[in-house]
Amino acid sequence: MLQVFYCFYGSTAGRKLANAIQRQLVDSIDTFDRGVKEAGFYVLSVTNMPAALVETAFIDNPQDAALLVEYEDDFARAIARGITDYYQ
């Protein structure tokens, strides 16, 4: 399960960042793609910069929990590549 959230208050930069991260995650890890979604989460809405919240797995799902253990570095590298893609 992969999904990335961005603030829905007209944040085109946040949407671009979320899409870049999601694209890298989907290309790197074989799991269900839940897409990029708008959200009014506090952690996203009180920033003065583009922000994204990455949900890599549901830890109460045994298959997702196994992915977190097996692909920990892959998740981190994909998120980092997504951030660098955003700035290109």
N, C-alpha and C. Protein backbone atom coordinates (compact mmCIF):
# COMPACT_ATOMS: atom_id res chain seq x y z
N MET A 1 0.84 -1.17 0.00
CA MET A 1 0.00 0.00 0.00
C MET A 1 0.88 1.23 0.00
N LEU A 2 0.75 2.03 -0.99
CA LEU A 2 1.49 3.28 -1.06
C LEU A 2 0.51 4.41 -1.33
N GLN A 3 0.63 5.48 -0.57
CA GLN A 3 -0.14 6.67 -0.88
C GLN A 3 0.61 7.88 -0.32
N VAL A 4 0.47 8.98 -1.00
CA VAL A 4 1.12 10.22 -0.59
C VAL A 4 0.06 11.31 -0.55
N PHE A 5 0.04 12.05 0.54
CA PHE A 5 -0.92 13.13 0.72
C PHE A 5 -0.24 14.48 0.56
N TYR A 6 -1.00 15.48 0.11
CA TYR A 6 -0.54 16.86 0.08
C TYR A 6 -1.69 17.73 0.52
N CYS A 7 -1.38 18.95 0.93
CA CYS A 7 -2.40 19.87 1.43
C CYS A 7 -3.32 20.31 0.30
N PHE A 8 -4.60 20.30 0.55
CA PHE A 8 -5.56 20.65 -0.50
C PHE A 8 -5.83 22.14 -0.63
N TYR A 9 -5.15 22.96 0.12
CA TYR A 9 -5.41 24.40 0.06
C TYR A 9 -4.69 25.06 -1.11
N GLY A 10 -4.91 24.54 -2.31
CA GLY A 10 -4.33 25.14 -3.50
C GLY A 10 -2.84 24.96 -3.64
N SER A 11 -2.29 23.93 -3.05
CA SER A 11 -0.84 23.73 -3.07
C SER A 11 -0.42 22.96 -4.32
N THR A 12 -0.20 23.68 -5.41
CA THR A 12 0.27 23.00 -6.62
C THR A 12 1.69 22.48 -6.43
N ALA A 13 2.51 23.19 -5.66
CA ALA A 13 3.87 22.72 -5.38
C ALA A 13 3.82 21.45 -4.54
N GLY A 14 2.94 21.40 -3.55
CA GLY A 14 2.79 20.20 -2.73
C GLY A 14 2.31 19.01 -3.55
N ARG A 15 1.39 19.27 -4.47
CA ARG A 15 0.91 18.20 -5.36
C ARG A 15 2.04 17.69 -6.24
N LYS A 16 2.85 18.61 -6.77
CA LYS A 16 3.99 18.22 -7.61
C LYS A 16 4.98 17.37 -6.81
N LEU A 17 5.27 17.76 -5.57
CA LEU A 17 6.16 16.99 -4.71
C LEU A 17 5.58 15.61 -4.43
N ALA A 18 4.32 15.56 -4.07
CA ALA A 18 3.68 14.28 -3.77
C ALA A 18 3.70 13.35 -4.98
N ASN A 19 3.42 13.88 -6.16
CA ASN A 19 3.44 13.07 -7.38
C ASN A 19 4.83 12.54 -7.67
N ALA A 20 5.86 13.36 -7.47
CA ALA A 20 7.23 12.93 -7.73
C ALA A 20 7.62 11.79 -6.78
N ILE A 21 7.25 11.91 -5.52
CA ILE A 21 7.56 10.86 -4.54
C ILE A 21 6.78 9.59 -4.87
N GLN A 22 5.50 9.73 -5.15
CA GLN A 22 4.66 8.56 -5.45
C GLN A 22 5.18 7.82 -6.68
N ARG A 23 5.57 8.54 -7.70
CA ARG A 23 6.08 7.93 -8.93
C ARG A 23 7.31 7.08 -8.63
N GLN A 24 8.22 7.60 -7.83
CA GLN A 24 9.43 6.85 -7.48
C GLN A 24 9.09 5.62 -6.63
N LEU A 25 8.17 5.76 -5.70
CA LEU A 25 7.78 4.62 -4.86
C LEU A 25 7.15 3.51 -5.69
N VAL A 26 6.25 3.87 -6.58
CA VAL A 26 5.56 2.88 -7.42
C VAL A 26 6.54 2.18 -8.34
N ASP A 27 7.51 2.92 -8.86
CA ASP A 27 8.50 2.31 -9.75
C ASP A 27 9.47 1.40 -9.00
N SER A 28 9.62 1.59 -7.69
CA SER A 28 10.64 0.87 -6.93
C SER A 28 10.12 -0.32 -6.13
N ILE A 29 8.88 -0.26 -5.69
CA ILE A 29 8.38 -1.27 -4.76
C ILE A 29 7.09 -1.88 -5.32
N ASP A 30 7.04 -3.19 -5.35
CA ASP A 30 5.88 -3.90 -5.89
C ASP A 30 4.81 -4.05 -4.82
N THR A 31 3.93 -3.07 -4.76
CA THR A 31 2.83 -3.11 -3.81
C THR A 31 1.66 -2.32 -4.38
N PHE A 32 0.55 -2.29 -3.68
CA PHE A 32 -0.66 -1.63 -4.16
C PHE A 32 -0.49 -0.11 -4.14
N ASP A 33 -0.80 0.53 -5.24
CA ASP A 33 -0.69 1.98 -5.39
C ASP A 33 -2.04 2.62 -5.09
N ARG A 34 -2.13 3.33 -3.98
CA ARG A 34 -3.36 4.04 -3.61
C ARG A 34 -3.39 5.47 -4.12
N GLY A 35 -2.30 5.90 -4.76
CA GLY A 35 -2.27 7.20 -5.41
C GLY A 35 -1.93 8.37 -4.52
N VAL A 36 -2.04 9.53 -5.12
CA VAL A 36 -1.79 10.81 -4.45
C VAL A 36 -3.14 11.41 -4.10
N LYS A 37 -3.25 11.92 -2.87
CA LYS A 37 -4.54 12.44 -2.41
C LYS A 37 -4.38 13.78 -1.71
N GLU A 38 -5.39 14.60 -1.84
CA GLU A 38 -5.46 15.85 -1.10
C GLU A 38 -5.90 15.55 0.33
N ALA A 39 -5.37 16.30 1.29
CA ALA A 39 -5.77 16.10 2.68
C ALA A 39 -5.59 17.40 3.46
N GLY A 40 -6.38 17.60 4.44
CA GLY A 40 -6.28 18.79 5.29
C GLY A 40 -5.57 18.51 6.59
N PHE A 41 -4.65 17.56 6.59
CA PHE A 41 -3.92 17.21 7.81
C PHE A 41 -3.15 18.42 8.33
N TYR A 42 -3.15 18.59 9.62
CA TYR A 42 -2.49 19.72 10.25
C TYR A 42 -1.02 19.81 9.84
N VAL A 43 -0.34 18.69 9.85
CA VAL A 43 1.08 18.66 9.53
C VAL A 43 1.37 19.17 8.11
N LEU A 44 0.40 19.09 7.23
CA LEU A 44 0.56 19.60 5.86
C LEU A 44 0.08 21.03 5.71
N SER A 45 -0.90 21.40 6.47
CA SER A 45 -1.55 22.70 6.24
C SER A 45 -0.90 23.87 6.97
N VAL A 46 0.00 23.62 7.90
CA VAL A 46 0.61 24.72 8.65
C VAL A 46 2.06 24.99 8.22
N THR A 47 2.43 24.55 7.04
CA THR A 47 3.79 24.79 6.55
C THR A 47 3.80 25.98 5.60
N ASN A 48 4.97 26.55 5.44
CA ASN A 48 5.16 27.64 4.47
C ASN A 48 5.94 27.15 3.26
N MET A 49 5.95 25.86 3.06
CA MET A 49 6.72 25.26 1.98
C MET A 49 5.94 24.07 1.44
N PRO A 50 6.31 23.55 0.28
CA PRO A 50 5.65 22.35 -0.22
C PRO A 50 5.84 21.21 0.78
N ALA A 51 4.79 20.46 1.02
CA ALA A 51 4.86 19.37 1.99
C ALA A 51 4.07 18.17 1.48
N ALA A 52 4.56 16.99 1.84
CA ALA A 52 3.89 15.75 1.49
C ALA A 52 4.01 14.79 2.66
N LEU A 53 2.99 13.98 2.85
CA LEU A 53 2.98 12.96 3.89
C LEU A 53 2.93 11.61 3.20
N VAL A 54 3.95 10.79 3.43
CA VAL A 54 4.08 9.50 2.75
C VAL A 54 3.59 8.39 3.66
N GLU A 55 2.64 7.61 3.16
CA GLU A 55 2.15 6.41 3.86
C GLU A 55 2.68 5.22 3.09
N THR A 56 3.64 4.52 3.64
CA THR A 56 4.28 3.42 2.91
C THR A 56 3.58 2.08 3.13
N ALA A 57 2.87 1.92 4.25
CA ALA A 57 2.26 0.62 4.55
C ALA A 57 1.32 0.75 5.73
N PHE A 58 0.46 -0.25 5.87
CA PHE A 58 -0.37 -0.40 7.07
C PHE A 58 0.34 -1.42 7.95
N ILE A 59 0.81 -1.02 9.11
CA ILE A 59 1.59 -1.95 9.93
C ILE A 59 0.74 -3.06 10.54
N ASP A 60 -0.58 -2.89 10.54
CA ASP A 60 -1.43 -3.97 11.06
C ASP A 60 -1.74 -5.01 9.98
N ASN A 61 -1.22 -4.81 8.78
CA ASN A 61 -1.36 -5.77 7.69
C ASN A 61 -0.04 -6.55 7.59
N PRO A 62 -0.07 -7.87 7.80
CA PRO A 62 1.17 -8.65 7.81
C PRO A 62 2.00 -8.52 6.53
N GLN A 63 1.36 -8.46 5.37
CA GLN A 63 2.10 -8.33 4.12
C GLN A 63 2.78 -6.96 4.04
N ASP A 64 2.07 -5.91 4.45
CA ASP A 64 2.66 -4.57 4.45
C ASP A 64 3.80 -4.48 5.46
N ALA A 65 3.61 -5.06 6.63
CA ALA A 65 4.67 -5.03 7.65
C ALA A 65 5.92 -5.72 7.14
N ALA A 66 5.75 -6.81 6.42
CA ALA A 66 6.90 -7.53 5.85
C ALA A 66 7.62 -6.66 4.82
N LEU A 67 6.85 -5.90 4.02
CA LEU A 67 7.46 -5.00 3.05
C LEU A 67 8.32 -3.95 3.74
N LEU A 68 7.84 -3.43 4.87
CA LEU A 68 8.60 -2.41 5.59
C LEU A 68 9.95 -2.94 6.05
N VAL A 69 9.98 -4.19 6.48
CA VAL A 69 11.23 -4.80 6.93
C VAL A 69 12.13 -5.11 5.74
N GLU A 70 11.56 -5.73 4.72
CA GLU A 70 12.36 -6.19 3.58
C GLU A 70 12.86 -5.05 2.70
N TYR A 71 12.06 -4.00 2.55
CA TYR A 71 12.39 -2.94 1.61
C TYR A 71 12.62 -1.58 2.27
N GLU A 72 13.05 -1.58 3.51
CA GLU A 72 13.26 -0.33 4.24
C GLU A 72 14.15 0.65 3.46
N ASP A 73 15.29 0.20 2.99
CA ASP A 73 16.19 1.07 2.23
C ASP A 73 15.59 1.49 0.91
N ASP A 74 14.85 0.61 0.26
CA ASP A 74 14.21 0.95 -1.01
C ASP A 74 13.18 2.05 -0.84
N PHE A 75 12.41 1.99 0.25
CA PHE A 75 11.45 3.05 0.54
C PHE A 75 12.18 4.38 0.71
N ALA A 76 13.22 4.37 1.52
CA ALA A 76 13.95 5.61 1.80
C ALA A 76 14.57 6.18 0.52
N ARG A 77 15.19 5.32 -0.28
CA ARG A 77 15.82 5.80 -1.51
C ARG A 77 14.79 6.34 -2.51
N ALA A 78 13.64 5.68 -2.60
CA ALA A 78 12.60 6.14 -3.52
C ALA A 78 12.06 7.50 -3.09
N ILE A 79 11.87 7.69 -1.80
CA ILE A 79 11.40 8.99 -1.30
C ILE A 79 12.45 10.07 -1.60
N ALA A 80 13.71 9.75 -1.36
CA ALA A 80 14.78 10.72 -1.64
C ALA A 80 14.84 11.06 -3.13
N ARG A 81 14.70 10.05 -4.00
CA ARG A 81 14.71 10.32 -5.45
C ARG A 81 13.52 11.19 -5.84
N GLY A 82 12.37 10.94 -5.22
CA GLY A 82 11.19 11.76 -5.51
C GLY A 82 11.41 13.21 -5.14
N ILE A 83 12.07 13.44 -4.02
CA ILE A 83 12.37 14.81 -3.60
C ILE A 83 13.33 15.47 -4.58
N THR A 84 14.36 14.74 -5.00
CA THR A 84 15.29 15.33 -5.96
C THR A 84 14.62 15.55 -7.32
N ASP A 85 13.71 14.65 -7.71
CA ASP A 85 12.96 14.85 -8.95
C ASP A 85 12.14 16.14 -8.88
N TYR A 86 11.58 16.41 -7.74
CA TYR A 86 10.77 17.63 -7.55
C TYR A 86 11.58 18.88 -7.87
N TYR A 87 12.84 18.88 -7.50
CA TYR A 87 13.68 20.07 -7.69
C TYR A 87 14.31 20.16 -9.08
N GLN A 88 14.10 19.18 -9.93
CA GLN A 88 14.68 19.24 -11.28
C GLN A 88 13.72 19.86 -12.26
